[in-house]
Amino acid sequence: MYFINFCASTAKSNGEFLNRHLNRSFLLSNVLPNANVAVDAVYRSDWGRIVATLIRQFGDFELAEDAAQDAFTAAIHQWPTDGIPESPRAWIIQTAKHKAIDRVRRQVRLQEKLEADPDFASEPIVEGPKLDFDEIPDDRLRLIFTCCHPALSLEAQVALTLRTLGGLQTDEIARSFLVPTATMAQRLVRAKRKIRDAGIPYSVPDTNEMPARLDGVLTAIYLIFTEGYAPTRGEPLVRADLCAEAIRLGRLLRTLFAPTPPSEATALVALMLLHDSRREARLDEDGDLVTLEDQDRSLWNRPQIDEALVLADEALAGQPGPFALEAAIAAEHCKAARAEDTNWEEIVKLYDLLAELMPSPIVSLNRAVAVAMARGPQPALELIDELATSGELNDYHLLHAARADMLRRLGLNDEAAESYETALRLVTNDSERRFLERRHKEVLPQKAQDAQKTQKRS
């Protein structure tokens, strides 16, 4: 079964990436091929921290983001010849500050900034400074709360956080919301301008103001996690850096509400820990996807699961919210010592509750997969076909992948092959693509496989 583990409130729910802690000898080397690798590593691991720092200093979302992009562009051009600096992130931040000041100088607003702070443009900037980032541990959380201001729609709050903090591209965010890329680009521009024009402060709000922003903050953190858990594009099936950052932010959020954090904040941490606990088992030795039922459960992180189960039970007490129900579903998977021990009927019941609380096509699709495991592929196929008629998930590859899997299990290989082909046209992650290609090959008649080989050779 091709399991779907995405966030039910939107469209979505770790291949290891480059080591985030590049060693000193590597950073000081002048080996040219490593320069672009280092730039990419810093972008993936520190984009959110860099932008958050710049927004704190300049108070302008668009200026901070543009300056950061300029700094990364400069690094691509300079590091191959000048060598990788000892502190790449600090180099990017200081270069971005230069770029931001240059941009301000080209605008008429420069005089206003100079009058407000005469030392603004004259502050000395040195290469390779020793910055203590631990002195500003809440910059990224401040950024999330700024993005999730109630003056913005919930969708705009989450989208802006994903772009600014998570460093996701516009098309990746659009995929999360199942909207065209152009539509999402317009929403992001409007959200940034509204924050700027309304003078929304860059700060963590008072405790009495937090509840109004909590839904957006929780959803944004989880979507950062899910982009790490199942990246939109590229080779890795998992981006461990994004997963770890989302879990860190979730834990930090709970501390802000101590001693009685909201149950949904607790549930979110439990949910992320449960999904992340299976990271080492999700890929085989060749970097290919391993489905949940085929995973080596001895590779699961048991201490992390034990911690998460306590939090999941805590979140379910009282009136459970969507994240609590999703955590309960993930807990059922992690409690099963073997795939065949999974309590699928209980999972179906939990999806029923989730659908009542927060109906969405993704919840319906996940429920159909659970029905298949509990009651067989035929009733699940009927549910998926009914869902497909609405057209809401026509461009969502997992709908077609799930339908193909039901048809495959029913022995309807020709129809299964067609659905796999549709899923392959839509999938953008390389690991998922290879998995679907293998399944597609399994249902193709031998004659068709021979024809495919001939076509590739020609």
Protein backbone atom coordinates (compact mmCIF):
# COMPACT_ATOMS: atom_id res chain seq x y z
CA MET A 1 0.00 0.00 0.00
CA TYR A 2 1.24 3.47 -0.90
CA PHE A 3 0.44 5.17 2.39
CA ILE A 4 -0.42 8.86 2.54
CA ASN A 5 0.74 10.70 5.65
CA PHE A 6 0.00 14.33 5.00
CA CYS A 7 -1.54 17.19 6.95
CA ALA A 8 -5.29 16.86 6.78
CA SER A 9 -5.99 20.58 6.91
CA THR A 10 -4.24 21.16 3.60
CA ALA A 11 -2.93 18.98 0.82
CA LYS A 12 0.09 17.52 2.57
CA SER A 13 1.08 15.68 5.69
CA ASN A 14 12.94 12.12 5.96
CA GLY A 15 16.81 10.60 2.12
CA GLU A 16 19.30 12.26 4.19
CA PHE A 17 20.59 15.62 3.03
CA LEU A 18 24.08 17.03 3.35
CA ASN A 19 25.58 17.20 6.81
CA ARG A 20 24.45 20.51 8.26
CA HIS A 21 27.56 20.80 10.42
CA LEU A 22 30.28 21.07 7.80
CA ASN A 23 33.68 20.49 9.37
CA ARG A 24 36.26 23.23 9.71
CA SER A 25 38.76 21.76 7.26
CA PHE A 26 36.06 21.57 4.63
CA LEU A 27 35.00 25.17 5.19
CA LEU A 28 38.55 26.44 4.95
CA SER A 29 39.37 24.50 1.81
CA ASN A 30 39.45 26.02 -1.65
CA VAL A 31 38.22 22.90 -3.45
CA LEU A 32 36.05 24.48 -6.13
CA PRO A 33 33.44 21.74 -6.60
CA ASN A 34 32.49 21.98 -2.92
CA ALA A 35 31.53 25.67 -3.04
CA ASN A 36 28.10 25.23 -4.58
CA VAL A 37 27.46 22.28 -2.29
CA ALA A 38 28.20 24.52 0.71
CA VAL A 39 25.90 27.26 -0.61
CA ASP A 40 23.11 24.74 -1.07
CA ALA A 41 23.66 23.34 2.43
CA VAL A 42 23.47 26.78 4.05
CA TYR A 43 20.34 27.62 2.07
CA ARG A 44 18.57 24.45 3.13
CA SER A 45 19.56 24.55 6.79
CA ASP A 46 19.60 28.29 7.55
CA TRP A 47 17.36 30.20 5.13
CA GLY A 48 14.68 30.78 7.77
CA ARG A 49 17.16 31.88 10.42
CA ILE A 50 18.88 34.26 7.99
CA VAL A 51 15.65 35.89 6.82
CA ALA A 52 14.32 36.13 10.37
CA THR A 53 17.49 37.93 11.45
CA LEU A 54 17.25 40.37 8.53
CA ILE A 55 13.58 41.11 9.18
CA ARG A 56 14.39 41.87 12.80
CA GLN A 57 17.09 44.31 11.66
CA PHE A 58 15.29 45.96 8.74
CA GLY A 59 11.59 45.47 9.51
CA ASP A 60 10.71 44.78 5.86
CA PHE A 61 9.75 41.31 4.61
CA GLU A 62 10.39 41.93 0.93
CA LEU A 63 13.68 43.74 1.53
CA ALA A 64 14.94 40.97 3.82
CA GLU A 65 14.00 38.19 1.41
CA ASP A 66 15.44 39.97 -1.64
CA ALA A 67 18.67 40.81 0.19
CA ALA A 68 19.07 37.20 1.33
CA GLN A 69 18.62 35.99 -2.24
CA ASP A 70 21.21 38.53 -3.42
CA ALA A 71 23.65 37.26 -0.78
CA PHE A 72 23.24 33.63 -1.84
CA THR A 73 23.78 34.68 -5.45
CA ALA A 74 26.98 36.47 -4.41
CA ALA A 75 28.14 33.34 -2.57
CA ILE A 76 27.64 31.24 -5.70
CA HIS A 77 29.92 33.61 -7.62
CA GLN A 78 32.54 34.31 -4.92
CA TRP A 79 33.03 31.12 -2.91
CA PRO A 80 34.39 29.03 -5.83
CA THR A 81 37.25 31.51 -6.28
CA ASP A 82 37.68 33.06 -2.82
CA GLY A 83 37.08 29.88 -0.83
CA ILE A 84 34.32 28.97 1.59
CA PRO A 85 34.31 31.27 4.64
CA GLU A 86 34.80 29.82 8.09
CA SER A 87 31.28 30.91 9.07
CA PRO A 88 29.11 30.59 5.94
CA ARG A 89 25.87 31.65 7.63
CA ALA A 90 27.46 34.76 9.16
CA TRP A 91 28.96 35.62 5.76
CA ILE A 92 25.52 35.36 4.15
CA ILE A 93 23.90 37.54 6.82
CA GLN A 94 26.51 40.26 6.62
CA THR A 95 26.54 40.20 2.82
CA ALA A 96 22.74 40.38 2.85
CA LYS A 97 22.93 43.39 5.14
CA HIS A 98 25.21 45.08 2.61
CA LYS A 99 22.78 44.19 -0.17
CA ALA A 100 19.82 45.50 1.81
CA ILE A 101 21.55 48.82 2.48
CA ASP A 102 22.41 49.06 -1.22
CA ARG A 103 18.76 48.48 -2.09
CA VAL A 104 17.64 51.12 0.40
CA ARG A 105 20.15 53.59 -1.01
CA ARG A 106 18.57 53.11 -4.43
CA GLN A 107 15.20 54.02 -3.00
CA VAL A 108 13.85 57.32 -1.80
CA ARG A 109 13.21 55.83 1.64
CA LEU A 110 16.92 55.93 2.46
CA GLN A 111 16.74 59.46 3.88
CA GLU A 112 13.90 58.46 6.21
CA LYS A 113 15.94 55.57 7.60
CA LEU A 114 19.04 57.73 8.00
CA GLU A 115 17.08 60.40 9.89
CA ALA A 116 15.63 57.76 12.21
CA ASP A 117 19.00 56.08 12.78
CA PRO A 118 22.07 58.04 11.61
CA ASP A 119 24.33 55.08 12.36
CA PHE A 120 22.29 52.66 10.26
CA ALA A 121 24.40 52.80 7.09
CA SER A 122 27.71 53.48 8.80
CA GLU A 123 27.75 50.42 11.03
CA PRO A 124 30.98 48.55 10.23
CA ILE A 125 30.63 45.21 8.48
CA VAL A 126 33.49 42.76 8.61
CA GLU A 127 33.92 39.50 6.78
CA GLY A 128 33.56 36.32 8.83
CA PRO A 129 32.25 37.90 12.05
CA LYS A 130 31.74 35.85 15.18
CA LEU A 131 28.01 36.11 15.76
CA ASP A 132 26.41 34.36 18.73
CA PHE A 133 23.13 33.17 17.30
CA ASP A 134 22.12 31.68 20.64
CA GLU A 135 21.52 35.24 21.84
CA ILE A 136 18.50 35.47 19.53
CA PRO A 137 16.92 32.01 19.82
CA ASP A 138 13.37 33.25 19.22
CA ASP A 139 13.89 35.10 15.93
CA ARG A 140 12.21 32.37 13.90
CA LEU A 141 9.32 32.05 16.31
CA ARG A 142 8.83 35.83 16.22
CA LEU A 143 8.73 35.56 12.45
CA ILE A 144 6.02 32.89 12.57
CA PHE A 145 3.87 34.98 14.90
CA THR A 146 4.34 38.02 12.66
CA CYS A 147 3.33 36.01 9.59
CA CYS A 148 0.34 34.58 11.47
CA HIS A 149 -1.18 37.93 12.41
CA PRO A 150 -5.03 37.76 12.49
CA ALA A 151 -5.18 40.68 10.03
CA LEU A 152 -4.23 38.09 7.37
CA SER A 153 -6.36 35.17 6.28
CA LEU A 154 -5.35 31.81 7.75
CA GLU A 155 -4.23 30.60 4.32
CA ALA A 156 -2.11 33.72 3.78
CA GLN A 157 -0.57 33.35 7.26
CA VAL A 158 0.55 29.81 6.59
CA ALA A 159 1.73 30.47 3.04
CA LEU A 160 3.82 33.47 4.09
CA THR A 161 5.45 31.48 6.89
CA LEU A 162 6.35 28.66 4.52
CA ARG A 163 7.91 31.08 2.05
CA THR A 164 9.74 33.31 4.51
CA LEU A 165 10.79 30.89 7.23
CA GLY A 166 10.80 27.56 5.43
CA GLY A 167 12.39 28.88 2.24
CA LEU A 168 9.85 26.99 0.14
CA GLN A 169 9.39 28.09 -3.44
CA THR A 170 6.04 29.44 -4.55
CA ASP A 171 5.16 26.31 -6.53
CA GLU A 172 5.92 24.12 -3.50
CA ILE A 173 3.55 26.21 -1.37
CA ALA A 174 0.92 26.14 -4.10
CA ARG A 175 1.07 22.35 -4.05
CA SER A 176 0.33 22.38 -0.33
CA PHE A 177 -2.84 24.35 -0.93
CA LEU A 178 -3.82 22.72 -4.26
CA VAL A 179 -3.91 26.06 -6.08
CA PRO A 180 -2.11 27.34 -9.20
CA THR A 181 1.37 28.81 -8.68
CA ALA A 182 0.31 32.22 -10.05
CA THR A 183 -2.53 32.39 -7.53
CA MET A 184 -0.22 31.64 -4.64
CA ALA A 185 2.33 34.21 -5.87
CA GLN A 186 -0.34 36.91 -5.76
CA ARG A 187 -1.39 35.90 -2.25
CA LEU A 188 2.17 36.08 -0.98
CA VAL A 189 2.74 39.54 -2.43
CA ARG A 190 -0.51 40.83 -0.92
CA ALA A 191 0.33 39.35 2.50
CA LYS A 192 3.80 40.95 2.61
CA ARG A 193 2.40 44.33 1.61
CA LYS A 194 -0.35 44.14 4.19
CA ILE A 195 2.18 43.47 6.97
CA ARG A 196 4.32 46.38 5.77
CA ASP A 197 1.47 48.86 5.25
CA ALA A 198 -0.31 47.98 8.50
CA GLY A 199 2.89 48.24 10.51
CA ILE A 200 2.39 44.80 12.06
CA PRO A 201 5.13 44.43 14.71
CA TYR A 202 7.82 41.79 14.46
CA SER A 203 7.36 40.21 17.88
CA VAL A 204 5.87 37.38 19.90
CA PRO A 205 2.47 38.73 21.05
CA ASP A 206 1.28 38.91 24.63
CA THR A 207 -0.21 35.73 26.04
CA ASN A 208 -3.77 37.04 25.66
CA GLU A 209 -3.16 37.65 21.94
CA MET A 210 -1.63 34.25 21.19
CA PRO A 211 -4.84 32.18 20.84
CA ALA A 212 -5.95 34.23 17.84
CA ARG A 213 -2.75 33.27 16.02
CA LEU A 214 -2.34 29.73 17.29
CA ASP A 215 -4.12 27.90 14.45
CA GLY A 216 -1.96 29.58 11.83
CA VAL A 217 1.25 29.03 13.80
CA LEU A 218 0.53 25.33 14.35
CA THR A 219 -0.42 24.75 10.72
CA ALA A 220 2.65 26.61 9.46
CA ILE A 221 4.99 24.60 11.69
CA TYR A 222 3.42 21.34 10.56
CA LEU A 223 3.66 22.23 6.88
CA ILE A 224 7.34 23.05 7.36
CA PHE A 225 7.65 19.57 8.83
CA THR A 226 5.71 17.92 6.02
CA GLU A 227 7.84 19.58 3.35
CA GLY A 228 10.78 17.97 5.11
CA TYR A 229 8.96 14.65 5.50
CA ALA A 230 7.97 14.49 1.82
CA PRO A 231 9.71 17.24 -0.22
CA THR A 232 7.86 18.56 -3.22
CA ARG A 233 10.72 18.07 -5.62
CA GLY A 234 14.20 16.69 -6.04
CA GLU A 235 16.02 13.56 -5.05
CA PRO A 236 15.67 13.21 -1.27
CA LEU A 237 12.54 11.59 0.13
CA VAL A 238 13.27 13.37 3.41
CA ARG A 239 14.78 16.73 4.38
CA ALA A 240 15.88 16.07 7.95
CA ASP A 241 16.80 19.73 8.47
CA LEU A 242 13.24 20.96 7.98
CA CYS A 243 11.81 18.16 10.12
CA ALA A 244 14.21 18.95 12.97
CA GLU A 245 13.49 22.68 12.73
CA ALA A 246 9.73 22.14 12.84
CA ILE A 247 10.02 19.87 15.88
CA ARG A 248 12.25 22.44 17.59
CA LEU A 249 9.72 25.20 16.94
CA GLY A 250 6.88 23.00 18.18
CA ARG A 251 8.70 22.31 21.43
CA LEU A 252 9.53 26.01 21.83
CA LEU A 253 5.89 26.94 21.24
CA ARG A 254 4.79 24.62 24.04
CA THR A 255 7.20 26.33 26.45
CA LEU A 256 5.62 29.72 25.67
CA PHE A 257 2.32 28.42 27.04
CA ALA A 258 3.82 26.58 30.03
CA PRO A 259 2.70 25.24 32.43
CA THR A 260 -0.53 24.44 30.54
CA PRO A 261 0.20 24.38 26.78
CA PRO A 262 -2.80 24.04 24.42
CA SER A 263 -3.65 20.43 23.66
CA GLU A 264 -3.22 21.03 19.92
CA ALA A 265 0.34 22.32 20.46
CA THR A 266 1.07 19.17 22.42
CA ALA A 267 -0.60 17.04 19.75
CA LEU A 268 1.46 18.67 17.00
CA VAL A 269 4.73 17.82 18.72
CA ALA A 270 3.52 14.24 19.24
CA LEU A 271 2.48 13.92 15.60
CA MET A 272 5.80 15.19 14.26
CA LEU A 273 7.79 12.98 16.62
CA LEU A 274 5.81 9.90 15.58
CA HIS A 275 6.27 10.51 11.87
CA ASP A 276 9.94 11.42 12.31
CA SER A 277 10.57 8.28 14.39
CA ARG A 278 10.27 6.17 11.22
CA ARG A 279 12.79 8.19 9.23
CA GLU A 280 15.58 5.60 9.14
CA ALA A 281 13.22 2.91 7.83
CA ARG A 282 11.62 4.91 5.01
CA LEU A 283 14.45 4.36 2.53
CA ASP A 284 16.32 1.25 1.48
CA GLU A 285 20.05 0.99 0.78
CA ASP A 286 19.53 2.41 -2.73
CA GLY A 287 17.62 5.43 -1.44
CA ASP A 288 14.27 4.11 -2.65
CA LEU A 289 10.96 4.49 -0.84
CA VAL A 290 9.92 1.71 1.55
CA THR A 291 6.18 1.66 2.27
CA LEU A 292 4.92 1.61 5.83
CA GLU A 293 3.87 -2.04 5.77
CA ASP A 294 7.31 -3.12 4.47
CA GLN A 295 9.46 -1.04 6.83
CA ASP A 296 11.93 -2.66 9.22
CA ARG A 297 10.37 -1.60 12.49
CA SER A 298 13.54 -2.33 14.43
CA LEU A 299 14.89 0.84 12.79
CA TRP A 300 12.15 2.99 14.29
CA ASN A 301 13.24 5.38 17.04
CA ARG A 302 11.61 3.76 20.08
CA PRO A 303 12.58 6.40 22.70
CA GLN A 304 11.08 9.08 20.44
CA ILE A 305 7.92 7.01 20.00
CA ASP A 306 7.60 6.50 23.77
CA GLU A 307 7.89 10.26 24.34
CA ALA A 308 5.35 10.98 21.63
CA LEU A 309 2.79 8.43 22.88
CA VAL A 310 2.66 10.17 26.26
CA LEU A 311 2.07 13.51 24.54
CA ALA A 312 -0.56 12.00 22.21
CA ASP A 313 -2.51 10.61 25.17
CA GLU A 314 -2.29 13.99 26.91
CA ALA A 315 -3.63 15.74 23.81
CA LEU A 316 -6.57 13.33 23.47
CA ALA A 317 -7.80 14.10 26.99
CA GLY A 318 -10.83 16.34 26.93
CA GLN A 319 -12.03 17.59 23.55
CA PRO A 320 -9.49 16.49 20.93
CA GLY A 321 -8.72 18.72 17.97
CA PRO A 322 -7.52 17.79 14.46
CA PHE A 323 -3.85 17.43 15.39
CA ALA A 324 -4.79 15.24 18.37
CA LEU A 325 -6.75 12.90 16.10
CA GLU A 326 -3.93 12.78 13.55
CA ALA A 327 -1.47 12.04 16.35
CA ALA A 328 -3.76 9.24 17.55
CA ILE A 329 -3.75 7.76 14.02
CA ALA A 330 0.04 7.93 13.82
CA ALA A 331 0.22 6.37 17.30
CA GLU A 332 -1.78 3.34 16.14
CA HIS A 333 0.83 2.71 13.45
CA CYS A 334 3.74 3.10 15.85
CA LYS A 335 2.22 0.89 18.56
CA ALA A 336 1.99 -2.09 16.18
CA ALA A 337 5.03 -4.37 16.50
CA ARG A 338 4.23 -5.82 13.05
CA ALA A 339 2.33 -4.35 10.12
CA GLU A 340 -0.33 -7.06 10.42
CA ASP A 341 -0.94 -6.03 14.06
CA THR A 342 -2.13 -2.56 13.05
CA ASN A 343 -5.64 -1.81 14.30
CA TRP A 344 -7.05 -0.56 11.01
CA GLU A 345 -10.66 -0.46 12.20
CA GLU A 346 -9.62 1.92 14.98
CA ILE A 347 -7.80 4.05 12.42
CA VAL A 348 -10.93 4.19 10.25
CA LYS A 349 -12.93 5.35 13.29
CA LEU A 350 -10.38 8.07 14.01
CA TYR A 351 -10.59 9.24 10.40
CA ASP A 352 -14.39 9.35 10.75
CA LEU A 353 -13.99 11.69 13.72
CA LEU A 354 -11.43 13.77 11.83
CA ALA A 355 -13.73 14.07 8.81
CA GLU A 356 -16.54 15.32 11.04
CA LEU A 357 -14.29 17.83 12.77
CA MET A 358 -12.46 19.05 9.68
CA PRO A 359 -13.74 17.67 6.38
CA SER A 360 -11.29 17.81 3.47
CA PRO A 361 -10.57 15.74 0.36
CA ILE A 362 -7.22 14.68 1.83
CA VAL A 363 -8.89 13.31 4.95
CA SER A 364 -11.28 11.40 2.69
CA LEU A 365 -8.41 9.98 0.66
CA ASN A 366 -6.49 8.89 3.75
CA ARG A 367 -9.65 7.32 5.15
CA ALA A 368 -10.12 5.37 1.91
CA VAL A 369 -6.61 3.94 2.27
CA ALA A 370 -7.43 2.87 5.84
CA VAL A 371 -10.67 1.29 4.64
CA ALA A 372 -8.69 -0.72 2.08
CA MET A 373 -6.49 -2.15 4.81
CA ALA A 374 -9.41 -2.87 7.13
CA ARG A 375 -12.04 -4.11 4.66
CA GLY A 376 -10.35 -4.70 1.32
CA PRO A 377 -9.64 -2.75 -1.89
CA GLN A 378 -13.12 -2.81 -3.45
CA PRO A 379 -14.92 -0.52 -0.96
CA ALA A 380 -11.85 1.72 -0.91
CA LEU A 381 -11.85 1.98 -4.72
CA GLU A 382 -15.49 3.06 -4.65
CA LEU A 383 -14.64 5.79 -2.14
CA ILE A 384 -11.68 6.98 -4.22
CA ASP A 385 -13.70 7.04 -7.44
CA GLU A 386 -16.40 9.04 -5.68
CA LEU A 387 -13.75 11.46 -4.46
CA ALA A 388 -12.26 11.72 -7.95
CA THR A 389 -15.58 12.83 -9.42
CA SER A 390 -15.41 16.05 -7.39
CA GLY A 391 -12.28 17.08 -9.33
CA GLU A 392 -10.64 18.63 -6.26
CA LEU A 393 -7.67 16.25 -6.38
CA ASN A 394 -7.28 15.82 -10.11
CA ASP A 395 -3.74 17.24 -10.01
CA TYR A 396 -2.75 15.42 -6.83
CA HIS A 397 -0.55 12.46 -7.68
CA LEU A 398 -1.41 10.49 -4.55
CA LEU A 399 -5.07 10.25 -5.54
CA HIS A 400 -4.09 8.46 -8.75
CA ALA A 401 -1.41 6.42 -6.97
CA ALA A 402 -3.93 5.21 -4.38
CA ARG A 403 -6.48 4.38 -7.07
CA ALA A 404 -3.84 2.48 -9.03
CA ASP A 405 -2.94 0.48 -5.94
CA MET A 406 -6.56 -0.55 -5.37
CA LEU A 407 -6.89 -1.64 -8.99
CA ARG A 408 -3.61 -3.55 -8.77
CA ARG A 409 -4.78 -5.42 -5.70
CA LEU A 410 -8.04 -6.28 -7.49
CA GLY A 411 -6.09 -7.67 -10.45
CA LEU A 412 -7.31 -4.95 -12.83
CA ASN A 413 -3.84 -4.34 -14.22
CA ASP A 414 -4.73 -2.40 -17.38
CA GLU A 415 -6.70 0.20 -15.42
CA ALA A 416 -4.03 0.24 -12.72
CA ALA A 417 -1.37 0.98 -15.33
CA GLU A 418 -3.37 3.97 -16.59
CA SER A 419 -3.69 5.41 -13.06
CA TYR A 420 0.01 4.86 -12.39
CA GLU A 421 0.80 6.72 -15.61
CA THR A 422 -1.32 9.65 -14.47
CA ALA A 423 0.41 9.68 -11.08
CA LEU A 424 3.81 9.60 -12.79
CA ARG A 425 2.93 12.66 -14.86
CA LEU A 426 2.12 14.58 -11.67
CA VAL A 427 4.74 13.41 -9.15
CA THR A 428 7.74 15.72 -8.62
CA ASN A 429 9.77 13.89 -5.95
CA ASP A 430 12.36 11.55 -7.46
CA SER A 431 12.13 8.85 -4.77
CA GLU A 432 8.38 8.68 -5.13
CA ARG A 433 8.73 8.61 -8.90
CA ARG A 434 11.00 5.57 -8.78
CA PHE A 435 8.54 3.78 -6.50
CA LEU A 436 5.64 4.48 -8.86
CA GLU A 437 7.71 3.37 -11.84
CA ARG A 438 8.36 0.04 -10.14
CA ARG A 439 4.68 -0.46 -9.39
CA HIS A 440 3.75 0.58 -12.92
CA LYS A 441 6.13 -1.99 -14.34
CA GLU A 442 4.57 -4.69 -12.15
CA VAL A 443 1.14 -4.24 -13.73
CA LEU A 444 2.29 -3.81 -17.33
CA PRO A 445 1.83 -6.86 -19.58
CA GLN A 446 5.11 -8.35 -20.78
CA LYS A 447 4.39 -7.18 -24.31
CA ALA A 448 4.07 -3.57 -23.14
CA GLN A 449 7.27 -3.85 -21.10
CA ASP A 450 9.15 -5.07 -24.17
CA ALA A 451 7.75 -2.18 -26.18
CA GLN A 452 8.90 0.28 -23.51
CA LYS A 453 12.43 -1.13 -23.56
CA THR A 454 12.53 -0.87 -27.35
CA GLN A 455 11.34 2.74 -27.19
CA LYS A 456 14.05 3.64 -24.64
CA ARG A 457 16.78 2.06 -26.78
CA SER A 458 15.62 3.99 -29.84
